[in-house]
N, C-alpha and C. Protein backbone atom coordinates (compact mmCIF):
# COMPACT_ATOMS: atom_id res chain seq x y z
N UNK A 1 -0.43 12.04 -37.25
CA UNK A 1 -1.89 11.73 -37.21
C UNK A 1 -2.10 10.42 -38.00
N UNK A 2 -3.08 9.62 -37.47
CA UNK A 2 -3.32 8.39 -38.04
C UNK A 2 -4.75 8.22 -38.53
N UNK A 3 -5.18 7.06 -38.83
CA UNK A 3 -6.57 6.74 -39.33
C UNK A 3 -7.26 6.07 -38.19
N UNK A 4 -8.57 6.23 -38.18
CA UNK A 4 -9.41 5.68 -37.15
C UNK A 4 -10.51 4.85 -37.82
N UNK A 5 -10.71 3.66 -37.29
CA UNK A 5 -11.87 2.77 -37.72
C UNK A 5 -12.84 2.88 -36.54
N UNK A 6 -14.06 3.26 -36.81
CA UNK A 6 -15.10 3.41 -35.79
C UNK A 6 -16.02 2.17 -35.88
N UNK A 7 -16.19 1.54 -34.75
CA UNK A 7 -17.07 0.36 -34.73
C UNK A 7 -18.20 0.55 -33.62
N UNK A 8 -19.33 -0.10 -33.88
CA UNK A 8 -20.36 -0.11 -32.95
C UNK A 8 -20.09 -1.03 -31.78
N UNK A 9 -20.35 -0.59 -30.56
CA UNK A 9 -20.05 -1.42 -29.42
C UNK A 9 -21.05 -2.63 -29.47
N UNK A 10 -20.59 -3.82 -29.07
CA UNK A 10 -21.40 -5.03 -29.02
C UNK A 10 -21.53 -5.55 -27.58
N UNK A 11 -20.48 -5.39 -26.84
CA UNK A 11 -20.35 -5.95 -25.45
C UNK A 11 -18.87 -5.98 -25.13
N UNK A 12 -18.63 -6.03 -23.86
CA UNK A 12 -17.19 -6.03 -23.46
C UNK A 12 -16.36 -7.08 -23.96
N UNK A 13 -16.96 -8.34 -23.92
CA UNK A 13 -16.26 -9.48 -24.43
C UNK A 13 -16.00 -9.41 -25.96
N UNK A 14 -17.04 -9.12 -26.67
CA UNK A 14 -16.99 -8.99 -28.18
C UNK A 14 -16.05 -7.91 -28.60
N UNK A 15 -16.14 -6.72 -27.93
CA UNK A 15 -15.22 -5.63 -28.21
C UNK A 15 -13.82 -5.93 -27.97
N UNK A 16 -13.57 -6.66 -26.91
CA UNK A 16 -12.26 -7.07 -26.56
C UNK A 16 -11.63 -8.09 -27.55
N UNK A 17 -12.45 -9.01 -27.92
CA UNK A 17 -12.06 -9.96 -29.01
C UNK A 17 -11.75 -9.33 -30.33
N UNK A 18 -12.59 -8.42 -30.67
CA UNK A 18 -12.32 -7.69 -31.93
C UNK A 18 -11.09 -6.79 -31.94
N UNK A 19 -10.84 -6.16 -30.76
CA UNK A 19 -9.63 -5.36 -30.54
C UNK A 19 -8.40 -6.26 -30.63
N UNK A 20 -8.48 -7.43 -29.96
CA UNK A 20 -7.37 -8.31 -30.03
C UNK A 20 -7.05 -8.80 -31.40
N UNK A 21 -8.16 -9.16 -32.18
CA UNK A 21 -7.92 -9.61 -33.57
C UNK A 21 -7.33 -8.49 -34.48
N UNK A 22 -7.84 -7.21 -34.20
CA UNK A 22 -7.28 -6.08 -34.94
C UNK A 22 -5.79 -6.00 -34.69
N UNK A 23 -5.35 -6.11 -33.49
CA UNK A 23 -3.90 -6.00 -33.12
C UNK A 23 -3.13 -7.16 -33.74
N UNK A 24 -3.78 -8.34 -33.80
CA UNK A 24 -3.09 -9.46 -34.45
C UNK A 24 -2.84 -9.18 -35.96
N UNK A 25 -3.88 -8.58 -36.61
CA UNK A 25 -3.72 -8.23 -38.03
C UNK A 25 -2.57 -7.20 -38.25
N UNK A 26 -2.49 -6.23 -37.30
CA UNK A 26 -1.51 -5.19 -37.41
C UNK A 26 -0.20 -5.80 -37.21
N UNK A 27 0.04 -6.82 -36.35
CA UNK A 27 1.28 -7.48 -36.07
C UNK A 27 1.66 -8.56 -37.14
N UNK A 28 0.70 -9.21 -37.70
CA UNK A 28 1.00 -10.30 -38.62
C UNK A 28 0.71 -10.01 -40.08
N UNK A 29 -0.14 -8.99 -40.31
CA UNK A 29 -0.53 -8.68 -41.66
C UNK A 29 -1.70 -9.47 -42.07
N UNK A 30 -2.12 -9.34 -43.41
CA UNK A 30 -3.23 -10.11 -43.91
C UNK A 30 -2.69 -10.93 -45.10
N UNK A 31 -3.57 -11.64 -45.77
CA UNK A 31 -3.16 -12.35 -47.01
C UNK A 31 -2.82 -11.34 -48.19
N UNK A 32 -3.21 -10.13 -47.96
CA UNK A 32 -3.02 -9.14 -49.05
C UNK A 32 -2.04 -8.02 -48.71
N UNK A 33 -1.88 -7.73 -47.36
CA UNK A 33 -0.99 -6.59 -46.96
C UNK A 33 -0.15 -7.08 -45.86
N UNK A 34 1.18 -6.72 -45.98
CA UNK A 34 2.08 -7.20 -45.00
C UNK A 34 2.08 -6.17 -43.74
N UNK A 35 2.61 -6.70 -42.56
CA UNK A 35 2.41 -5.82 -41.36
C UNK A 35 3.17 -4.49 -41.42
N UNK A 36 4.23 -4.43 -42.16
CA UNK A 36 4.96 -3.15 -42.27
C UNK A 36 4.10 -2.06 -42.91
N UNK A 37 3.29 -2.40 -43.92
CA UNK A 37 2.43 -1.42 -44.53
C UNK A 37 1.31 -0.97 -43.56
N UNK A 38 0.74 -1.99 -42.85
CA UNK A 38 -0.27 -1.65 -41.90
C UNK A 38 0.10 -0.78 -40.74
N UNK A 39 1.36 -1.04 -40.30
CA UNK A 39 1.90 -0.19 -39.21
C UNK A 39 2.11 1.23 -39.68
N UNK A 40 2.53 1.39 -40.96
CA UNK A 40 2.66 2.74 -41.46
C UNK A 40 1.41 3.55 -41.51
N UNK A 41 0.26 2.95 -41.59
CA UNK A 41 -1.05 3.59 -41.65
C UNK A 41 -1.43 4.20 -40.35
N UNK A 42 -0.75 3.74 -39.28
CA UNK A 42 -1.11 4.26 -37.86
C UNK A 42 -2.58 4.28 -37.66
N UNK A 43 -3.20 3.10 -37.87
CA UNK A 43 -4.65 3.01 -37.71
C UNK A 43 -5.03 2.53 -36.28
N UNK A 44 -6.02 3.06 -35.72
CA UNK A 44 -6.53 2.65 -34.47
C UNK A 44 -8.01 2.36 -34.61
N UNK A 45 -8.60 1.58 -33.65
CA UNK A 45 -10.03 1.43 -33.63
C UNK A 45 -10.63 2.05 -32.36
N UNK A 46 -11.83 2.47 -32.50
CA UNK A 46 -12.60 2.96 -31.32
C UNK A 46 -14.02 2.39 -31.46
N UNK A 47 -14.65 2.28 -30.30
CA UNK A 47 -16.05 1.74 -30.19
C UNK A 47 -17.00 2.82 -29.79
N UNK A 48 -18.13 2.90 -30.53
CA UNK A 48 -19.09 3.93 -30.19
C UNK A 48 -20.43 3.16 -29.89
N UNK A 49 -21.15 3.70 -28.93
CA UNK A 49 -22.46 3.13 -28.62
C UNK A 49 -23.50 3.47 -29.70
N UNK A 50 -24.37 2.46 -29.94
CA UNK A 50 -25.44 2.63 -30.99
C UNK A 50 -26.26 3.87 -30.67
N UNK A 51 -26.59 4.18 -29.42
CA UNK A 51 -27.47 5.23 -29.09
C UNK A 51 -26.86 6.60 -29.48
N UNK A 52 -25.53 6.66 -29.72
CA UNK A 52 -24.96 7.96 -30.22
C UNK A 52 -25.40 8.28 -31.61
N UNK A 53 -25.98 7.39 -32.36
CA UNK A 53 -26.64 7.62 -33.71
C UNK A 53 -25.69 8.32 -34.66
N UNK A 54 -24.46 7.65 -34.89
CA UNK A 54 -23.48 8.28 -35.77
C UNK A 54 -23.86 7.93 -37.24
N UNK A 55 -23.91 8.91 -38.07
CA UNK A 55 -24.29 8.77 -39.51
C UNK A 55 -23.44 7.69 -40.23
N UNK A 56 -22.16 7.69 -40.00
CA UNK A 56 -21.30 6.70 -40.69
C UNK A 56 -21.60 5.29 -40.36
N UNK A 57 -22.01 5.04 -39.07
CA UNK A 57 -22.40 3.73 -38.66
C UNK A 57 -23.67 3.32 -39.29
N UNK A 58 -24.59 4.25 -39.35
CA UNK A 58 -25.87 3.99 -40.04
C UNK A 58 -25.62 3.61 -41.51
N UNK A 59 -24.75 4.29 -42.20
CA UNK A 59 -24.42 4.03 -43.61
C UNK A 59 -23.75 2.66 -43.71
N UNK A 60 -22.86 2.32 -42.82
CA UNK A 60 -22.23 1.03 -42.82
C UNK A 60 -23.27 -0.06 -42.63
N UNK A 61 -24.23 0.11 -41.76
CA UNK A 61 -25.39 -0.83 -41.61
C UNK A 61 -26.12 -1.08 -42.90
N UNK A 62 -26.38 0.07 -43.60
CA UNK A 62 -27.13 0.06 -44.88
C UNK A 62 -26.36 -0.76 -45.90
N UNK A 63 -25.09 -0.76 -45.85
CA UNK A 63 -24.23 -1.40 -46.83
C UNK A 63 -24.02 -2.93 -46.47
N UNK A 64 -23.79 -3.08 -45.18
CA UNK A 64 -23.49 -4.51 -44.66
C UNK A 64 -24.64 -5.39 -44.69
N UNK A 65 -25.87 -4.89 -44.36
CA UNK A 65 -27.01 -5.76 -44.30
C UNK A 65 -27.30 -6.51 -45.62
N UNK A 66 -27.38 -5.87 -46.81
CA UNK A 66 -27.61 -6.61 -48.07
C UNK A 66 -26.45 -7.61 -48.34
N UNK A 67 -25.29 -7.25 -47.97
CA UNK A 67 -24.11 -8.16 -48.26
C UNK A 67 -24.27 -9.41 -47.40
N UNK A 68 -24.67 -9.25 -46.08
CA UNK A 68 -24.88 -10.38 -45.20
C UNK A 68 -26.05 -11.22 -45.68
N UNK A 69 -27.10 -10.58 -46.10
CA UNK A 69 -28.26 -11.32 -46.61
C UNK A 69 -27.89 -12.17 -47.79
N UNK A 70 -27.08 -11.63 -48.65
CA UNK A 70 -26.65 -12.38 -49.80
C UNK A 70 -25.79 -13.58 -49.44
N UNK A 71 -24.96 -13.36 -48.44
CA UNK A 71 -24.06 -14.45 -48.01
C UNK A 71 -24.95 -15.61 -47.38
N UNK A 72 -26.00 -15.23 -46.70
CA UNK A 72 -26.82 -16.26 -45.99
C UNK A 72 -27.75 -16.90 -46.94
N UNK A 73 -28.33 -16.06 -47.87
CA UNK A 73 -29.35 -16.61 -48.87
C UNK A 73 -29.03 -16.12 -50.22
N UNK A 74 -28.00 -16.60 -50.91
CA UNK A 74 -27.60 -16.07 -52.20
C UNK A 74 -28.64 -16.22 -53.31
N UNK A 75 -29.55 -17.21 -53.19
CA UNK A 75 -30.63 -17.38 -54.20
C UNK A 75 -31.76 -16.45 -54.03
N UNK A 76 -31.90 -15.75 -52.94
CA UNK A 76 -33.01 -14.80 -52.71
C UNK A 76 -32.82 -13.51 -53.44
N UNK A 77 -33.84 -12.88 -53.94
CA UNK A 77 -33.82 -11.63 -54.65
C UNK A 77 -33.32 -10.58 -53.69
N UNK A 78 -32.33 -9.85 -54.04
CA UNK A 78 -31.73 -8.83 -53.15
C UNK A 78 -31.28 -7.59 -54.00
N UNK A 79 -32.23 -6.69 -54.27
CA UNK A 79 -31.93 -5.60 -55.18
C UNK A 79 -30.87 -4.65 -54.67
N UNK A 80 -30.78 -4.53 -53.32
CA UNK A 80 -29.75 -3.61 -52.77
C UNK A 80 -28.44 -4.25 -53.01
N UNK A 81 -28.28 -5.58 -52.84
CA UNK A 81 -26.97 -6.18 -53.13
C UNK A 81 -26.61 -6.04 -54.63
N UNK A 82 -27.55 -6.23 -55.45
CA UNK A 82 -27.28 -6.11 -56.92
C UNK A 82 -26.71 -4.70 -57.24
N UNK A 83 -27.14 -3.65 -56.56
CA UNK A 83 -26.58 -2.31 -56.78
C UNK A 83 -25.21 -2.24 -56.21
N UNK A 84 -24.98 -2.77 -54.96
CA UNK A 84 -23.68 -2.70 -54.37
C UNK A 84 -22.64 -3.55 -55.08
N UNK A 85 -23.01 -4.63 -55.67
CA UNK A 85 -22.14 -5.53 -56.35
C UNK A 85 -21.19 -4.85 -57.39
N UNK A 86 -21.77 -3.82 -58.03
CA UNK A 86 -20.97 -3.10 -59.00
C UNK A 86 -19.81 -2.36 -58.40
N UNK A 87 -19.82 -2.22 -57.05
CA UNK A 87 -18.73 -1.52 -56.32
C UNK A 87 -17.68 -2.48 -55.84
N UNK A 88 -17.85 -3.69 -55.99
CA UNK A 88 -16.88 -4.73 -55.50
C UNK A 88 -15.60 -4.78 -56.36
N UNK A 89 -14.47 -4.85 -55.78
CA UNK A 89 -13.23 -5.08 -56.56
C UNK A 89 -13.11 -6.58 -56.80
N UNK A 90 -13.10 -6.92 -58.09
CA UNK A 90 -13.10 -8.32 -58.52
C UNK A 90 -11.84 -8.61 -59.28
N UNK A 91 -11.25 -9.76 -59.08
CA UNK A 91 -10.11 -10.20 -59.81
C UNK A 91 -10.27 -11.66 -60.03
N UNK A 92 -10.31 -12.11 -61.35
CA UNK A 92 -10.52 -13.47 -61.72
C UNK A 92 -11.77 -14.09 -61.03
N UNK A 93 -12.81 -13.27 -60.93
CA UNK A 93 -14.11 -13.77 -60.41
C UNK A 93 -14.16 -13.83 -58.88
N UNK A 94 -13.05 -13.36 -58.20
CA UNK A 94 -13.02 -13.35 -56.72
C UNK A 94 -13.15 -12.00 -56.20
N UNK A 95 -13.94 -11.78 -55.23
CA UNK A 95 -14.12 -10.47 -54.58
C UNK A 95 -12.96 -10.22 -53.65
N UNK A 96 -12.27 -9.09 -53.89
CA UNK A 96 -11.14 -8.75 -53.12
C UNK A 96 -11.40 -7.59 -52.14
N UNK A 97 -12.49 -6.90 -52.34
CA UNK A 97 -12.87 -5.76 -51.51
C UNK A 97 -13.91 -4.94 -52.13
N UNK A 98 -14.17 -3.78 -51.54
CA UNK A 98 -15.18 -2.87 -51.96
C UNK A 98 -14.46 -1.61 -52.42
N UNK A 99 -14.82 -1.09 -53.62
CA UNK A 99 -14.28 0.18 -54.02
C UNK A 99 -14.87 1.30 -53.30
N UNK A 100 -14.16 2.24 -52.79
CA UNK A 100 -14.77 3.35 -52.14
C UNK A 100 -14.09 4.73 -52.58
N UNK A 101 -14.75 5.80 -52.30
CA UNK A 101 -14.27 7.01 -52.73
C UNK A 101 -14.15 7.92 -51.47
N UNK A 102 -13.00 8.43 -51.30
CA UNK A 102 -12.70 9.25 -50.06
C UNK A 102 -13.59 10.49 -50.04
């Protein structure tokens, strides 16, 4: 049994591009994780339509939106981002990821 990453459908072309990029990461690794470790995770991705109203995707939107707003307009007041920022994994002032609890 493996892990599954659930993504919201965007369109055939966009979903295909994202799927291809995901496979590239599995095959080549990232700057932080080598491909052998990623392959051991046995992770796959699936795409779900927005109209399916999946709670996890709604939560992801609630988290992603303040982060995106901060990236676009870092000088703007963003109280939701200020709360989320305490959950970021930082090393030497660089954000390496988000801390999560299973």
